[in-house]
């Protein structure tokens, strides 16, 4: 079955599989779309970058949206940046969404 959840004005579709009986059942929900939320990306990046980045050097693309729906395999097209504390070089990482949340990829 399909279920739709409204997240801050965005309709996010899920595929839901239900199994079991009438009194006890289990379900598994899988998102058909992912929500890219700018504040969430920036917060996750701040946590992710702690081991690598010089304090105060974190930035993400200025056009990172407040919220946007994306297909699961769709590249976000957004990047975040930091100054590496080991060699003071600027680095860029791509923003990627997955079932586990926001991830950052080098290269």
Protein backbone atom coordinates (compact mmCIF):
# COMPACT_ATOMS: atom_id res chain seq x y z
CA UNK A 1 0.00 0.00 0.00
CA UNK A 2 1.02 3.61 -0.36
CA UNK A 3 0.87 6.13 2.45
CA UNK A 4 1.56 9.86 2.27
CA UNK A 5 3.00 11.89 5.13
CA UNK A 6 2.91 15.67 5.10
CA UNK A 7 6.23 17.17 6.20
CA UNK A 8 6.01 20.92 6.61
CA UNK A 9 3.81 21.30 3.52
CA UNK A 10 5.53 18.63 1.40
CA UNK A 11 3.67 15.41 0.63
CA UNK A 12 6.15 12.55 1.10
CA UNK A 13 4.97 9.20 -0.33
CA UNK A 14 5.90 5.90 1.33
CA UNK A 15 5.43 2.28 0.34
CA UNK A 16 4.15 0.34 3.36
CA UNK A 17 4.20 -3.44 3.71
CA UNK A 18 2.02 -4.91 6.47
CA UNK A 19 2.20 -8.49 7.70
CA UNK A 20 0.67 -10.45 10.54
CA UNK A 21 -2.81 -11.03 11.89
CA UNK A 22 -5.70 -8.90 13.03
CA UNK A 23 -4.44 -8.40 16.61
CA UNK A 24 -0.68 -8.33 16.09
CA UNK A 25 1.00 -7.07 12.96
CA UNK A 26 4.25 -5.54 11.77
CA UNK A 27 4.90 -3.01 9.07
CA UNK A 28 7.82 -1.69 7.05
CA UNK A 29 7.73 1.78 5.47
CA UNK A 30 10.10 2.91 2.71
CA UNK A 31 10.17 6.47 1.42
CA UNK A 32 9.58 6.94 -2.31
CA UNK A 33 10.96 10.50 -2.00
CA UNK A 34 13.49 12.08 0.35
CA UNK A 35 13.19 15.51 1.95
CA UNK A 36 16.24 17.75 1.57
CA UNK A 37 16.03 20.29 4.39
CA UNK A 38 18.66 23.04 4.39
CA UNK A 39 18.74 23.42 8.18
CA UNK A 40 19.10 19.65 8.57
CA UNK A 41 21.96 19.51 6.06
CA UNK A 42 23.82 22.34 7.80
CA UNK A 43 23.34 20.78 11.25
CA UNK A 44 24.48 17.34 10.06
CA UNK A 45 27.48 18.90 8.28
CA UNK A 46 28.52 20.71 11.46
CA UNK A 47 28.58 17.36 13.31
CA UNK A 48 30.22 15.44 10.46
CA UNK A 49 33.01 17.97 9.90
CA UNK A 50 34.27 18.19 13.52
CA UNK A 51 37.28 15.86 13.00
CA UNK A 52 38.32 17.55 9.74
CA UNK A 53 37.46 21.24 9.72
CA UNK A 54 39.03 24.34 11.16
CA UNK A 55 36.57 26.05 13.50
CA UNK A 56 34.47 28.68 11.75
CA UNK A 57 35.25 27.42 8.24
CA UNK A 58 32.01 25.55 7.47
CA UNK A 59 29.85 26.65 4.55
CA UNK A 60 27.18 25.13 2.31
CA UNK A 61 25.90 26.33 -1.05
CA UNK A 62 23.99 29.59 -0.66
CA UNK A 63 21.12 28.23 -2.77
CA UNK A 64 20.55 25.20 -0.51
CA UNK A 65 16.73 25.15 -0.22
CA UNK A 66 14.75 25.33 3.00
CA UNK A 67 13.06 22.11 1.85
CA UNK A 68 12.77 20.13 -1.36
CA UNK A 69 11.61 16.63 -2.40
CA UNK A 70 14.07 14.43 -4.29
CA UNK A 71 13.96 10.93 -5.74
CA UNK A 72 16.09 8.46 -3.74
CA UNK A 73 18.77 8.10 -6.44
CA UNK A 74 18.67 11.72 -7.55
CA UNK A 75 21.88 13.70 -6.95
CA UNK A 76 21.14 16.72 -4.78
CA UNK A 77 23.45 19.00 -6.76
CA UNK A 78 24.54 20.72 -3.52
CA UNK A 79 27.89 20.88 -1.78
CA UNK A 80 29.30 21.94 1.56
CA UNK A 81 32.79 23.31 2.17
CA UNK A 82 35.39 23.54 4.92
CA UNK A 83 39.05 24.34 5.52
CA UNK A 84 40.94 21.17 6.43
CA UNK A 85 42.71 21.60 9.77
CA UNK A 86 45.53 19.23 8.77
CA UNK A 87 46.78 21.23 5.76
CA UNK A 88 44.64 24.43 5.67
CA UNK A 89 43.33 23.50 2.21
CA UNK A 90 39.75 24.19 1.11
CA UNK A 91 37.68 21.03 0.66
CA UNK A 92 34.27 20.41 -0.90
CA UNK A 93 31.92 17.50 -0.22
CA UNK A 94 28.77 16.53 -2.10
CA UNK A 95 25.50 16.33 -0.18
CA UNK A 96 23.80 12.94 -0.63
CA UNK A 97 20.52 11.68 0.79
CA UNK A 98 19.90 8.03 1.66
CA UNK A 99 17.65 5.87 3.82
CA UNK A 100 20.03 6.61 6.70
CA UNK A 101 19.80 10.39 6.27
CA UNK A 102 22.24 13.03 5.03
CA UNK A 103 25.71 11.91 3.97
CA UNK A 104 28.74 13.79 2.63
CA UNK A 105 30.95 12.45 -0.15
CA UNK A 106 34.42 13.63 -1.17
CA UNK A 107 35.29 13.95 -4.84
